[in-house]
C-alpha atoms as a PDB file:
ATOM      1  CA  MET A   1       7.901 -30.758 -17.707  1.00  0.00           C
ATOM      2  CA  ILE A   2       5.576 -33.365 -15.196  1.00  0.00           C
ATOM      3  CA  SER A   3       4.303 -32.217 -11.736  1.00  0.00           C
ATOM      4  CA  VAL A   4       4.072 -34.124  -8.700  1.00  0.00           C
ATOM      5  CA  ILE A   5       0.852 -34.263  -6.630  1.00  0.00           C
ATOM      6  CA  SER A   6       0.864 -34.810  -3.153  1.00  0.00           C
ATOM      7  CA  GLY A   7      -2.297 -34.013  -1.582  1.00  0.00           C
ATOM      8  CA  ASP A   8      -3.699 -30.656  -2.713  1.00  0.00           C
ATOM      9  CA  LYS A   9       0.396 -29.660  -3.524  1.00  0.00           C
ATOM     10  CA  ILE A  10       1.784 -29.827  -6.433  1.00  0.00           C
ATOM     11  CA  LYS A  11       5.928 -30.042  -7.028  1.00  0.00           C
ATOM     12  CA  ILE A  12       7.753 -29.155 -10.424  1.00  0.00           C
ATOM     13  CA  ILE A  13      10.045 -31.538 -11.342  1.00  0.00           C
ATOM     14  CA  PRO A  14      13.539 -30.061 -12.509  1.00  0.00           C
ATOM     15  CA  ASP A  15      13.821 -30.440 -16.085  1.00  0.00           C
ATOM     16  CA  LYS A  16      16.830 -32.196 -16.241  1.00  0.00           C
ATOM     17  CA  ALA A  17      18.351 -35.670 -17.007  1.00  0.00           C
ATOM     18  CA  PRO A  18      18.690 -38.673 -14.365  1.00  0.00           C
ATOM     19  CA  SER A  19      21.995 -39.760 -13.157  1.00  0.00           C
ATOM     20  CA  LYS A  20      23.481 -42.658 -15.074  1.00  0.00           C
ATOM     21  CA  GLU A  21      23.362 -44.803 -12.055  1.00  0.00           C
ATOM     22  CA  THR A  22      19.954 -44.572 -11.304  1.00  0.00           C
ATOM     23  CA  LYS A  23      17.684 -47.709 -12.631  1.00  0.00           C
ATOM     24  CA  ILE A  24      14.300 -48.815 -12.068  1.00  0.00           C
ATOM     25  CA  THR A  25      14.634 -52.339 -11.766  1.00  0.00           C
ATOM     26  CA  TYR A  26      11.147 -53.193 -10.514  1.00  0.00           C
ATOM     27  CA  LEU A  27       7.250 -52.436 -11.027  1.00  0.00           C
ATOM     28  CA  ARG A  28       4.335 -52.871  -9.037  1.00  0.00           C
ATOM     29  CA  ILE A  29       1.193 -52.970 -11.385  1.00  0.00           C
ATOM     30  CA  SER A  30      -2.316 -52.893  -9.514  1.00  0.00           C
ATOM     31  CA  VAL A  31      -4.628 -54.363 -11.979  1.00  0.00           C
ATOM     32  CA  THR A  32      -8.257 -53.599  -9.785  1.00  0.00           C
ATOM     33  CA  ASP A  33      -8.835 -51.970  -6.352  1.00  0.00           C
ATOM     34  CA  ARG A  34     -11.505 -54.853  -5.727  1.00  0.00           C
ATOM     35  CA  CYS A  35     -11.117 -57.551  -3.399  1.00  0.00           C
ATOM     36  CA  ASN A  36     -12.895 -60.445  -2.180  1.00  0.00           C
ATOM     37  CA  LEU A  37     -11.338 -60.161   1.455  1.00  0.00           C
ATOM     38  CA  LYS A  38     -11.891 -56.870   3.567  1.00  0.00           C
ATOM     39  CA  CYS A  39      -8.985 -57.058   5.818  1.00  0.00           C
ATOM     40  CA  PHE A  40      -9.671 -54.328   8.285  1.00  0.00           C
ATOM     41  CA  TYR A  41      -5.945 -52.914   8.537  1.00  0.00           C
ATOM     42  CA  CYS A  42      -6.205 -52.865   4.083  1.00  0.00           C
ATOM     43  CA  ARG A  43      -9.562 -51.393   3.152  1.00  0.00           C
ATOM     44  CA  PRO A  44     -12.634 -49.464   4.936  1.00  0.00           C
ATOM     45  CA  GLU A  45     -16.029 -51.001   5.156  1.00  0.00           C
ATOM     46  CA  ASN A  46     -17.068 -47.969   2.952  1.00  0.00           C
ATOM     47  CA  GLN A  47     -14.958 -48.344   0.229  1.00  0.00           C
ATOM     48  CA  GLU A  48     -16.165 -46.822  -3.047  1.00  0.00           C
ATOM     49  CA  PHE A  49     -14.514 -48.708  -6.050  1.00  0.00           C
ATOM     50  CA  ILE A  50     -12.710 -46.882  -8.881  1.00  0.00           C
ATOM     51  CA  PRO A  51     -15.222 -47.178 -12.445  1.00  0.00           C
ATOM     52  CA  ARG A  52     -14.431 -49.651 -14.764  1.00  0.00           C
ATOM     53  CA  GLN A  53     -14.246 -46.940 -17.080  1.00  0.00           C
ATOM     54  CA  GLU A  54     -11.517 -45.011 -15.355  1.00  0.00           C
ATOM     55  CA  ILE A  55      -9.264 -48.343 -14.985  1.00  0.00           C
ATOM     56  CA  LEU A  56      -6.168 -48.810 -17.289  1.00  0.00           C
ATOM     57  CA  ASP A  57      -6.192 -51.362 -20.015  1.00  0.00           C
ATOM     58  CA  TYR A  58      -3.889 -53.761 -20.289  1.00  0.00           C
ATOM     59  CA  GLU A  59      -2.353 -52.609 -23.169  1.00  0.00           C
ATOM     60  CA  ASP A  60      -1.704 -49.083 -21.575  1.00  0.00           C
ATOM     61  CA  MET A  61       0.459 -50.643 -18.845  1.00  0.00           C
ATOM     62  CA  VAL A  62       2.485 -53.111 -21.271  1.00  0.00           C
ATOM     63  CA  LYS A  63       3.697 -49.666 -22.555  1.00  0.00           C
ATOM     64  CA  LEU A  64       4.996 -48.338 -19.586  1.00  0.00           C
ATOM     65  CA  VAL A  65       6.685 -51.857 -18.957  1.00  0.00           C
ATOM     66  CA  LYS A  66       8.231 -51.384 -22.597  1.00  0.00           C
ATOM     67  CA  VAL A  67       9.962 -48.272 -21.950  1.00  0.00           C
ATOM     68  CA  LEU A  68      10.979 -49.250 -18.411  1.00  0.00           C
ATOM     69  CA  THR A  69      12.945 -51.731 -20.068  1.00  0.00           C
ATOM     70  CA  LYS A  70      15.229 -48.808 -20.993  1.00  0.00           C
ATOM     71  CA  PHE A  71      15.754 -48.045 -17.723  1.00  0.00           C
ATOM     72  CA  GLY A  72      16.788 -51.465 -16.544  1.00  0.00           C
ATOM     73  CA  LEU A  73      13.167 -53.195 -15.458  1.00  0.00           C
ATOM     74  CA  LYS A  74      13.277 -57.128 -15.142  1.00  0.00           C
ATOM     75  CA  SER A  75      10.718 -57.610 -12.404  1.00  0.00           C
ATOM     76  CA  VAL A  76       7.071 -56.965 -12.864  1.00  0.00           C
ATOM     77  CA  ARG A  77       4.538 -57.638  -9.843  1.00  0.00           C
ATOM     78  CA  ILE A  78       0.879 -57.940 -10.466  1.00  0.00           C
ATOM     79  CA  THR A  79      -1.293 -56.788  -7.599  1.00  0.00           C
ATOM     80  CA  GLY A  80      -4.622 -55.585  -6.690  1.00  0.00           C
ATOM     81  CA  GLY A  81      -6.816 -55.568  -4.721  1.00  0.00           C
ATOM     82  CA  GLU A  82      -7.104 -59.021  -5.719  1.00  0.00           C
ATOM     83  CA  PRO A  83      -5.527 -59.136  -9.597  1.00  0.00           C
ATOM     84  CA  LEU A  84      -7.612 -62.633  -9.586  1.00  0.00           C
ATOM     85  CA  LEU A  85     -10.891 -60.506  -9.737  1.00  0.00           C
ATOM     86  CA  ARG A  86      -9.534 -58.663 -12.852  1.00  0.00           C
ATOM     87  CA  GLN A  87     -11.121 -60.147 -15.694  1.00  0.00           C
ATOM     88  CA  ASP A  88      -8.798 -61.709 -18.164  1.00  0.00           C
ATOM     89  CA  ILE A  89      -5.920 -61.686 -15.867  1.00  0.00           C
ATOM     90  CA  GLU A  90      -4.262 -64.832 -17.575  1.00  0.00           C
ATOM     91  CA  LYS A  91      -3.707 -62.356 -20.918  1.00  0.00           C
ATOM     92  CA  PHE A  92      -1.897 -59.710 -19.072  1.00  0.00           C
ATOM     93  CA  VAL A  93       0.449 -62.055 -17.940  1.00  0.00           C
ATOM     94  CA  ALA A  94       1.433 -63.657 -21.131  1.00  0.00           C
ATOM     95  CA  MET A  95       1.267 -59.878 -22.446  1.00  0.00           C
ATOM     96  CA  LEU A  96       4.120 -59.288 -19.652  1.00  0.00           C
ATOM     97  CA  ASN A  97       5.884 -62.450 -20.674  1.00  0.00           C
ATOM     98  CA  GLU A  98       6.053 -61.472 -24.260  1.00  0.00           C
ATOM     99  CA  VAL A  99       8.348 -58.007 -23.294  1.00  0.00           C
ATOM    100  CA  LYS A 100      11.818 -58.584 -23.737  1.00  0.00           C
ATOM    101  CA  GLY A 101      13.788 -57.627 -20.969  1.00  0.00           C
ATOM    102  CA  ILE A 102      11.515 -59.022 -18.446  1.00  0.00           C
ATOM    103  CA  ASP A 103      12.668 -62.003 -16.695  1.00  0.00           C
ATOM    104  CA  ASP A 104      10.202 -62.069 -13.744  1.00  0.00           C
ATOM    105  CA  ILE A 105       6.865 -62.014 -13.611  1.00  0.00           C
ATOM    106  CA  SER A 106       4.948 -62.781  -9.963  1.00  0.00           C
ATOM    107  CA  MET A 107       1.813 -61.924  -8.442  1.00  0.00           C
ATOM    108  CA  THR A 108       0.684 -61.080  -4.311  1.00  0.00           C
ATOM    109  CA  THR A 109      -2.902 -62.813  -4.141  1.00  0.00           C
ATOM    110  CA  ASN A 110      -5.051 -63.688  -1.168  1.00  0.00           C
ATOM    111  CA  ALA A 111      -5.066 -67.195  -3.156  1.00  0.00           C
ATOM    112  CA  ILE A 112      -9.061 -67.354  -2.246  1.00  0.00           C
ATOM    113  CA  THR A 113      -9.448 -68.198  -6.141  1.00  0.00           C
ATOM    114  CA  LEU A 114      -5.734 -69.083  -6.527  1.00  0.00           C
ATOM    115  CA  LYS A 115      -6.588 -73.148  -7.161  1.00  0.00           C
ATOM    116  CA  LYS A 116      -9.063 -71.981 -10.224  1.00  0.00           C
ATOM    117  CA  HIS A 117      -6.373 -69.746 -11.594  1.00  0.00           C
ATOM    118  CA  ALA A 118      -3.436 -71.586 -11.076  1.00  0.00           C
ATOM    119  CA  LYS A 119      -2.726 -73.546 -14.572  1.00  0.00           C
ATOM    120  CA  ALA A 120      -3.581 -71.146 -16.384  1.00  0.00           C
ATOM    121  CA  LEU A 121      -1.212 -68.440 -14.637  1.00  0.00           C
ATOM    122  CA  LYS A 122       1.530 -71.230 -14.874  1.00  0.00           C
ATOM    123  CA  GLU A 123       0.899 -71.218 -18.709  1.00  0.00           C
ATOM    124  CA  ALA A 124       0.854 -67.444 -19.349  1.00  0.00           C
ATOM    125  CA  GLY A 125       4.402 -67.430 -17.673  1.00  0.00           C
ATOM    126  CA  LEU A 126       3.916 -66.567 -14.010  1.00  0.00           C
ATOM    127  CA  ARG A 127       6.739 -67.460 -12.335  1.00  0.00           C
ATOM    128  CA  ARG A 128       6.305 -67.000  -8.847  1.00  0.00           C
ATOM    129  CA  LEU A 129       3.713 -66.075  -6.340  1.00  0.00           C
ATOM    130  CA  ASN A 130       3.403 -63.888  -2.845  1.00  0.00           C
ATOM    131  CA  ILE A 131       0.222 -64.941  -1.069  1.00  0.00           C
ATOM    132  CA  SER A 132      -1.242 -63.009   2.252  1.00  0.00           C
ATOM    133  CA  ILE A 133      -2.476 -64.809   5.503  1.00  0.00           C
ATOM    134  CA  ASP A 134      -2.380 -63.251   8.509  1.00  0.00           C
ATOM    135  CA  SER A 135      -3.668 -65.830  10.748  1.00  0.00           C
ATOM    136  CA  LEU A 136      -3.301 -69.813  10.759  1.00  0.00           C
ATOM    137  CA  LYS A 137      -6.289 -70.240  12.961  1.00  0.00           C
ATOM    138  CA  PRO A 138      -9.428 -70.535  11.099  1.00  0.00           C
ATOM    139  CA  GLU A 139     -11.465 -68.475  13.282  1.00  0.00           C
ATOM    140  CA  LEU A 140      -9.056 -65.480  13.583  1.00  0.00           C
ATOM    141  CA  PHE A 141      -8.403 -65.655  10.120  1.00  0.00           C
ATOM    142  CA  TYR A 142     -12.222 -64.840   9.775  1.00  0.00           C
ATOM    143  CA  GLU A 143     -11.991 -61.999  11.839  1.00  0.00           C
ATOM    144  CA  ILE A 144      -9.571 -60.444  10.165  1.00  0.00           C
ATOM    145  CA  THR A 145     -10.417 -61.193   6.697  1.00  0.00           C
ATOM    146  CA  LYS A 146     -13.759 -62.202   6.316  1.00  0.00           C
ATOM    147  CA  GLY A 147     -12.453 -65.562   4.488  1.00  0.00           C
ATOM    148  CA  ASN A 148     -12.147 -69.173   4.203  1.00  0.00           C
ATOM    149  CA  LEU A 149      -8.415 -69.943   5.328  1.00  0.00           C
ATOM    150  CA  GLN A 150      -8.850 -73.569   3.763  1.00  0.00           C
ATOM    151  CA  ASP A 151      -9.492 -71.907   0.300  1.00  0.00           C
ATOM    152  CA  VAL A 152      -6.247 -70.235   0.773  1.00  0.00           C
ATOM    153  CA  ILE A 153      -4.222 -73.449   1.407  1.00  0.00           C
ATOM    154  CA  ASP A 154      -5.991 -75.520  -1.292  1.00  0.00           C
ATOM    155  CA  GLY A 155      -4.638 -72.608  -3.719  1.00  0.00           C
ATOM    156  CA  ILE A 156      -1.161 -73.120  -2.267  1.00  0.00           C
ATOM    157  CA  VAL A 157      -1.215 -76.966  -2.624  1.00  0.00           C
ATOM    158  CA  GLU A 158      -2.254 -76.546  -6.286  1.00  0.00           C
ATOM    159  CA  ALA A 159       0.396 -73.658  -7.165  1.00  0.00           C
ATOM    160  CA  LYS A 160       3.117 -75.953  -5.564  1.00  0.00           C
ATOM    161  CA  LYS A 161       1.887 -79.159  -7.809  1.00  0.00           C
ATOM    162  CA  LEU A 162       2.054 -76.844 -10.398  1.00  0.00           C
ATOM    163  CA  GLY A 163       5.575 -75.913 -10.244  1.00  0.00           C
ATOM    164  CA  ILE A 164       5.069 -72.095  -9.102  1.00  0.00           C
ATOM    165  CA  GLU A 165       8.049 -71.318  -7.245  1.00  0.00           C
ATOM    166  CA  PRO A 166       9.353 -69.791  -4.584  1.00  0.00           C
ATOM    167  CA  ILE A 167       5.886 -69.168  -2.466  1.00  0.00           C
ATOM    168  CA  LYS A 168       6.385 -66.629  -0.030  1.00  0.00           C
ATOM    169  CA  ILE A 169       4.069 -66.096   2.832  1.00  0.00           C
ATOM    170  CA  ASN A 170       3.035 -62.505   3.925  1.00  0.00           C
ATOM    171  CA  ALA A 171       1.856 -62.138   7.427  1.00  0.00           C
ATOM    172  CA  VAL A 172       1.340 -58.499   8.786  1.00  0.00           C
ATOM    173  CA  VAL A 173       1.875 -59.020  12.925  1.00  0.00           C
ATOM    174  CA  ILE A 174      -0.383 -56.960  14.579  1.00  0.00           C
ATOM    175  CA  LYS A 175      -0.104 -56.786  18.636  1.00  0.00           C
ATOM    176  CA  GLY A 176      -2.561 -58.082  20.731  1.00  0.00           C
ATOM    177  CA  LEU A 177      -4.219 -59.797  17.253  1.00  0.00           C
ATOM    178  CA  ASN A 178      -1.559 -62.629  16.269  1.00  0.00           C
ATOM    179  CA  GLU A 179       1.730 -61.822  17.237  1.00  0.00           C
ATOM    180  CA  ASN A 180       1.810 -65.527  19.263  1.00  0.00           C
ATOM    181  CA  GLU A 181       1.520 -67.320  15.998  1.00  0.00           C
ATOM    182  CA  ALA A 182       5.308 -66.492  14.600  1.00  0.00           C
ATOM    183  CA  LEU A 183       6.639 -70.137  15.315  1.00  0.00           C
ATOM    184  CA  ASP A 184       3.224 -71.753  13.612  1.00  0.00           C
ATOM    185  CA  PHE A 185       4.166 -69.703  10.626  1.00  0.00           C
ATOM    186  CA  VAL A 186       7.495 -71.313  10.575  1.00  0.00           C
ATOM    187  CA  GLU A 187       5.684 -74.809  11.071  1.00  0.00           C
ATOM    188  CA  PHE A 188       3.728 -73.751   8.528  1.00  0.00           C
ATOM    189  CA  GLY A 189       6.479 -72.768   6.060  1.00  0.00           C
ATOM    190  CA  ARG A 190       8.306 -76.047   6.934  1.00  0.00           C
ATOM    191  CA  GLU A 191       5.042 -78.001   6.059  1.00  0.00           C
ATOM    192  CA  TYR A 192       4.013 -76.349   2.523  1.00  0.00           C
ATOM    193  CA  GLY A 193       7.986 -75.780   1.621  1.00  0.00           C
ATOM    194  CA  VAL A 194       7.500 -72.211   1.452  1.00  0.00           C
ATOM    195  CA  GLU A 195       9.133 -69.242   2.705  1.00  0.00           C
ATOM    196  CA  VAL A 196       7.268 -66.580   5.523  1.00  0.00           C
ATOM    197  CA  ARG A 197       7.925 -63.106   5.610  1.00  0.00           C
ATOM    198  CA  PHE A 198       6.684 -61.063   8.709  1.00  0.00           C
ATOM    199  CA  ILE A 199       5.497 -57.868   8.283  1.00  0.00           C
ATOM    200  CA  GLU A 200       5.178 -54.844  10.418  1.00  0.00           C
ATOM    201  CA  MET A 201       1.735 -53.133  10.116  1.00  0.00           C
ATOM    202  CA  MET A 202       1.949 -49.627   8.153  1.00  0.00           C
ATOM    203  CA  PRO A 203       0.370 -46.484   8.523  1.00  0.00           C
ATOM    204  CA  ILE A 204      -1.108 -46.501   5.189  1.00  0.00           C
ATOM    205  CA  GLY A 205      -4.380 -45.302   4.301  1.00  0.00           C
ATOM    206  CA  GLN A 206      -4.348 -42.476   7.269  1.00  0.00           C
ATOM    207  CA  GLY A 207      -7.896 -41.309   8.377  1.00  0.00           C
ATOM    208  CA  GLN A 208      -9.690 -44.406   6.672  1.00  0.00           C
ATOM    209  CA  ILE A 209      -7.898 -47.313   8.134  1.00  0.00           C
ATOM    210  CA  LYS A 210      -7.770 -48.294  11.560  1.00  0.00           C
ATOM    211  CA  TRP A 211      -4.048 -47.771  13.174  1.00  0.00           C
ATOM    212  CA  ASP A 212      -1.494 -46.706  16.271  1.00  0.00           C
ATOM    213  CA  GLU A 213       1.700 -47.131  16.972  1.00  0.00           C
ATOM    214  CA  ASP A 214       0.956 -49.504  19.657  1.00  0.00           C
ATOM    215  CA  MET A 215      -0.505 -52.267  17.007  1.00  0.00           C
ATOM    216  CA  VAL A 216       3.155 -52.562  15.950  1.00  0.00           C
ATOM    217  CA  GLN A 217       4.936 -55.665  16.624  1.00  0.00           C
ATOM    218  CA  PRO A 218       8.770 -54.479  16.043  1.00  0.00           C
ATOM    219  CA  LEU A 219       9.540 -57.925  14.263  1.00  0.00           C
ATOM    220  CA  GLU A 220      12.958 -58.048  15.995  1.00  0.00           C
ATOM    221  CA  LYS A 221      10.864 -59.545  18.811  1.00  0.00           C
ATOM    222  CA  VAL A 222       9.404 -62.355  16.351  1.00  0.00           C
ATOM    223  CA  LYS A 223      13.062 -63.057  15.389  1.00  0.00           C
ATOM    224  CA  ASN A 224      14.410 -63.810  18.745  1.00  0.00           C
ATOM    225  CA  LEU A 225      11.392 -65.599  19.431  1.00  0.00           C
ATOM    226  CA  ILE A 226      12.402 -67.980  16.417  1.00  0.00           C
ATOM    227  CA  GLU A 227      15.764 -68.254  17.518  1.00  0.00           C
ATOM    228  CA  GLU A 228      15.012 -69.228  21.139  1.00  0.00           C
ATOM    229  CA  LYS A 229      12.942 -72.603  19.229  1.00  0.00           C
ATOM    230  CA  TYR A 230      15.336 -73.313  15.782  1.00  0.00           C
ATOM    231  CA  GLY A 231      18.677 -71.917  16.683  1.00  0.00           C
ATOM    232  CA  GLU A 232      20.762 -68.781  15.375  1.00  0.00           C
ATOM    233  CA  LEU A 233      19.096 -67.504  12.150  1.00  0.00           C
ATOM    234  CA  VAL A 234      21.606 -67.352   9.368  1.00  0.00           C
ATOM    235  CA  PRO A 235      21.491 -64.099   6.863  1.00  0.00           C
ATOM    236  CA  SER A 236      20.760 -65.584   3.445  1.00  0.00           C
ATOM    237  CA  SER A 237      18.887 -64.472  -0.254  1.00  0.00           C
ATOM    238  CA  SER A 238      15.448 -64.693  -1.762  1.00  0.00           C
ATOM    239  CA  ILE A 239      14.261 -63.605  -5.456  1.00  0.00           C
ATOM    240  CA  GLY A 240      12.593 -60.638  -5.353  1.00  0.00           C
ATOM    241  CA  SER A 241      12.186 -56.783  -4.780  1.00  0.00           C
ATOM    242  CA  GLY A 242      15.222 -56.894  -1.539  1.00  0.00           C
ATOM    243  CA  ALA A 243      12.185 -55.578   0.646  1.00  0.00           C
ATOM    244  CA  ALA A 244      12.453 -58.194   3.108  1.00  0.00           C
ATOM    245  CA  ARG A 245      15.692 -59.446   5.136  1.00  0.00           C
ATOM    246  CA  VAL A 246      16.199 -63.031   4.462  1.00  0.00           C
ATOM    247  CA  TYR A 247      17.158 -65.728   6.796  1.00  0.00           C
ATOM    248  CA  GLU A 248      17.836 -69.366   6.526  1.00  0.00           C
ATOM    249  CA  ILE A 249      16.856 -71.677   9.455  1.00  0.00           C
ATOM    250  CA  PRO A 250      19.209 -74.296   9.489  1.00  0.00           C
ATOM    251  CA  SER A 251      17.850 -76.931  11.421  1.00  0.00           C
ATOM    252  CA  ILE A 252      14.647 -77.339   9.383  1.00  0.00           C
ATOM    253  CA  ASN A 253      15.984 -76.294   6.247  1.00  0.00           C
ATOM    254  CA  THR A 254      13.558 -73.288   5.869  1.00  0.00           C
ATOM    255  CA  LYS A 255      13.070 -69.447   4.773  1.00  0.00           C
ATOM    256  CA  VAL A 256      12.096 -66.707   7.233  1.00  0.00           C
ATOM    257  CA  GLY A 257      12.230 -63.015   6.418  1.00  0.00           C
ATOM    258  CA  PHE A 258      11.587 -59.622   7.871  1.00  0.00           C
ATOM    259  CA  ILE A 259       9.862 -56.887   6.208  1.00  0.00           C
ATOM    260  CA  THR A 260      10.595 -53.575   8.884  1.00  0.00           C
ATOM    261  CA  PRO A 261       9.274 -50.717   7.577  1.00  0.00           C
ATOM    262  CA  LEU A 262       9.264 -48.494  10.834  1.00  0.00           C
ATOM    263  CA  SER A 263      11.732 -50.058  13.136  1.00  0.00           C
ATOM    264  CA  ASN A 264      14.467 -50.625  10.663  1.00  0.00           C
ATOM    265  CA  PRO A 265      13.874 -48.880   7.346  1.00  0.00           C
ATOM    266  CA  PHE A 266      15.502 -50.727   3.854  1.00  0.00           C
ATOM    267  CA  CYS A 267      14.657 -47.814   1.647  1.00  0.00           C
ATOM    268  CA  ASP A 268      18.371 -46.687   0.912  1.00  0.00           C
ATOM    269  CA  GLY A 269      18.646 -47.269  -3.109  1.00  0.00           C
ATOM    270  CA  CYS A 270      15.177 -48.194  -4.053  1.00  0.00           C
ATOM    271  CA  SER A 271      14.831 -48.807  -7.797  1.00  0.00           C
ATOM    272  CA  LYS A 272      11.070 -49.679  -7.543  1.00  0.00           C
ATOM    273  CA  LEU A 273       7.903 -47.690  -8.672  1.00  0.00           C
ATOM    274  CA  ARG A 274       4.246 -48.505  -8.427  1.00  0.00           C
ATOM    275  CA  LEU A 275       1.359 -47.986 -11.194  1.00  0.00           C
ATOM    276  CA  THR A 276      -2.272 -47.744  -9.460  1.00  0.00           C
ATOM    277  CA  VAL A 277      -5.196 -49.121 -11.360  1.00  0.00           C
ATOM    278  CA  GLU A 278      -6.404 -45.954 -12.514  1.00  0.00           C
ATOM    279  CA  GLY A 279      -2.382 -44.906 -14.238  1.00  0.00           C
ATOM    280  CA  SER A 280      -0.548 -42.742 -11.470  1.00  0.00           C
ATOM    281  CA  ILE A 281       2.761 -43.731 -10.855  1.00  0.00           C
ATOM    282  CA  LYS A 282       3.507 -43.775  -7.118  1.00  0.00           C
ATOM    283  CA  LEU A 283       6.874 -43.233  -6.169  1.00  0.00           C
ATOM    284  CA  CYS A 284       7.019 -44.806  -2.446  1.00  0.00           C
ATOM    285  CA  LEU A 285       4.595 -45.799   0.249  1.00  0.00           C
ATOM    286  CA  ARG A 286       5.782 -43.173   2.827  1.00  0.00           C
ATOM    287  CA  THR A 287       4.671 -40.472   0.932  1.00  0.00           C
ATOM    288  CA  ASP A 288       1.374 -39.736  -1.155  1.00  0.00           C
ATOM    289  CA  ASP A 289       3.287 -38.469  -3.914  1.00  0.00           C
ATOM    290  CA  GLU A 290       2.224 -39.233  -7.404  1.00  0.00           C
ATOM    291  CA  ILE A 291       2.828 -38.317 -11.098  1.00  0.00           C
ATOM    292  CA  ILE A 292      -0.439 -38.836 -13.616  1.00  0.00           C
ATOM    293  CA  ALA A 293       0.744 -41.312 -16.043  1.00  0.00           C
ATOM    294  CA  LYS A 294      -2.821 -42.178 -17.732  1.00  0.00           C
ATOM    295  CA  ASP A 295      -3.141 -39.869 -20.251  1.00  0.00           C
ATOM    296  CA  ILE A 296       0.209 -40.188 -21.809  1.00  0.00           C
ATOM    297  CA  LEU A 297       0.266 -44.320 -21.667  1.00  0.00           C
ATOM    298  CA  LYS A 298      -3.205 -44.192 -23.460  1.00  0.00           C
ATOM    299  CA  ASN A 299      -2.518 -41.146 -26.287  1.00  0.00           C
ATOM    300  CA  GLY A 300       1.641 -40.648 -26.453  1.00  0.00           C
ATOM    301  CA  THR A 301       3.730 -42.154 -28.541  1.00  0.00           C
ATOM    302  CA  GLU A 302       6.459 -44.851 -27.317  1.00  0.00           C
ATOM    303  CA  GLU A 303       9.317 -41.480 -27.731  1.00  0.00           C
ATOM    304  CA  GLU A 304       7.098 -39.596 -25.800  1.00  0.00           C
ATOM    305  CA  ILE A 305       6.346 -41.826 -22.806  1.00  0.00           C
ATOM    306  CA  GLU A 306      10.338 -42.369 -22.725  1.00  0.00           C
ATOM    307  CA  GLU A 307      10.836 -38.966 -22.396  1.00  0.00           C
ATOM    308  CA  PHE A 308       8.110 -38.939 -19.538  1.00  0.00           C
ATOM    309  CA  VAL A 309       9.622 -41.972 -18.029  1.00  0.00           C
ATOM    310  CA  ARG A 310      13.023 -39.959 -17.882  1.00  0.00           C
ATOM    311  CA  LYS A 311      11.548 -37.545 -15.883  1.00  0.00           C
ATOM    312  CA  VAL A 312       9.842 -40.198 -13.466  1.00  0.00           C
ATOM    313  CA  VAL A 313      13.312 -41.303 -12.534  1.00  0.00           C
ATOM    314  CA  VAL A 314      14.718 -37.871 -11.884  1.00  0.00           C
ATOM    315  CA  ALA A 315      11.406 -37.482  -9.588  1.00  0.00           C
ATOM    316  CA  LYS A 316      12.110 -40.515  -7.693  1.00  0.00           C
ATOM    317  CA  GLU A 317      15.653 -40.038  -7.209  1.00  0.00           C
ATOM    318  CA  ILE A 318      14.432 -36.433  -5.385  1.00  0.00           C
ATOM    319  CA  SER A 319      11.800 -38.803  -3.694  1.00  0.00           C
ATOM    320  CA  ASN A 320      14.991 -40.781  -2.683  1.00  0.00           C
ATOM    321  CA  GLN A 321      16.571 -38.052  -1.263  1.00  0.00           C
ATOM    322  CA  ASN A 322      13.791 -36.557   0.536  1.00  0.00           C
ATOM    323  CA  ILE A 323      12.481 -39.673   2.525  1.00  0.00           C
ATOM    324  CA  GLN A 324      16.471 -40.271   3.447  1.00  0.00           C
ATOM    325  CA  PHE A 325      16.484 -36.898   4.696  1.00  0.00           C
ATOM    326  CA  ASN A 326      13.233 -37.225   6.783  1.00  0.00           C
ATOM    327  CA  ASN A 327      14.698 -40.492   8.564  1.00  0.00           C
ATOM    328  CA  TYR A 328      12.416 -42.567   6.623  1.00  0.00           C
ATOM    329  CA  ALA A 329       9.075 -41.387   8.132  1.00  0.00           C
ATOM    330  CA  PHE A 330       5.984 -41.821   6.877  1.00  0.00           C
ATOM    331  CA  GLY A 331       3.910 -39.173   5.776  1.00  0.00           C
ATOM    332  CA  GLU A 332      -0.158 -38.523   5.353  1.00  0.00           C
ATOM    333  CA  CYS A 333      -0.367 -41.951   2.902  1.00  0.00           C
ATOM    334  CA  GLN A 334      -3.955 -40.975   2.778  1.00  0.00           C
ATOM    335  CA  ARG A 335      -4.667 -43.292  -0.062  1.00  0.00           C
ATOM    336  CA  ILE A 336      -5.913 -46.601   1.059  1.00  0.00           C
ATOM    337  CA  MET A 337      -3.963 -50.133   0.011  1.00  0.00           C
ATOM    338  CA  THR A 338      -6.246 -51.314  -1.930  1.00  0.00           C
ATOM    339  CA  SER A 339      -6.105 -48.428  -4.576  1.00  0.00           C
ATOM    340  CA  ILE A 340      -2.220 -48.558  -4.667  1.00  0.00           C
ATOM    341  CA  GLY A 341      -1.504 -51.653  -4.963  1.00  0.00           C
ATOM    342  CA  GLY A 342      -0.550 -54.235  -2.017  1.00  0.00           C
END
């Protein structure tokens, strides 16, 4: 029997077998909660980082990956914080690359130090990248992130040169701040040969992060703006988790995607889990529900970990049902994104 912790509440997971139809195909692993940027919607000014001794070792993370392949796992995404800050991150990529059944290893990064790491990541087996850019105006980029936009662009150019493909650009659209840059991002996608994905700002880190509904720019308006300039968007597909609704812009041979967790949820049939940096399994971003996995990953046998994961899959089924029943609403979601894994 395992339990799900949600704030100060504990929910007991029924002792039953998961449905044969339920698969876990996608796992996001946070390797650090530290970041070299300070995006206001992602981390508070007074963030306290998790002590190094409480962070999972790579070997413990790989134990979970190996067992999850028995439940359908194919794709692993490395996240943070900023994953390139974790020591020997290339070693972790190589370890994942050796797991049988894993055919897609990707990373979400802010790319500030990507130019330095790209060659080693490619050689270790990294297949693709998602890179966060919330403005193409250097001054506004600095206002949002306290970082240098040119460092990011240099990283993209280096990764493209090395053949890391596809590269996707993640742009969180914030009303009153950067919503007027949609067409600039499309042109950036065309110039650099990358897919741009627009993301609605989510209420993650409530009580610590500035967020209100007026900051959310419904992405249907962004889509309409792009169609006015370039013509009708044609539904398409893209390698990845399936969170984005992807379209081709035939007139310029460029893809764009829209991730709409608030205005048009994409939750049905979700087969994703997140492993936090200190060893908890998070079932969904919409709730604070977590299952502590650290002890079993450090000390359990492969058979014990497999039995544990079987119960996690049951918890995921229940979570999916509850989220659908609650009309895909976000709960309190008090953990900040850097400690969850962006």
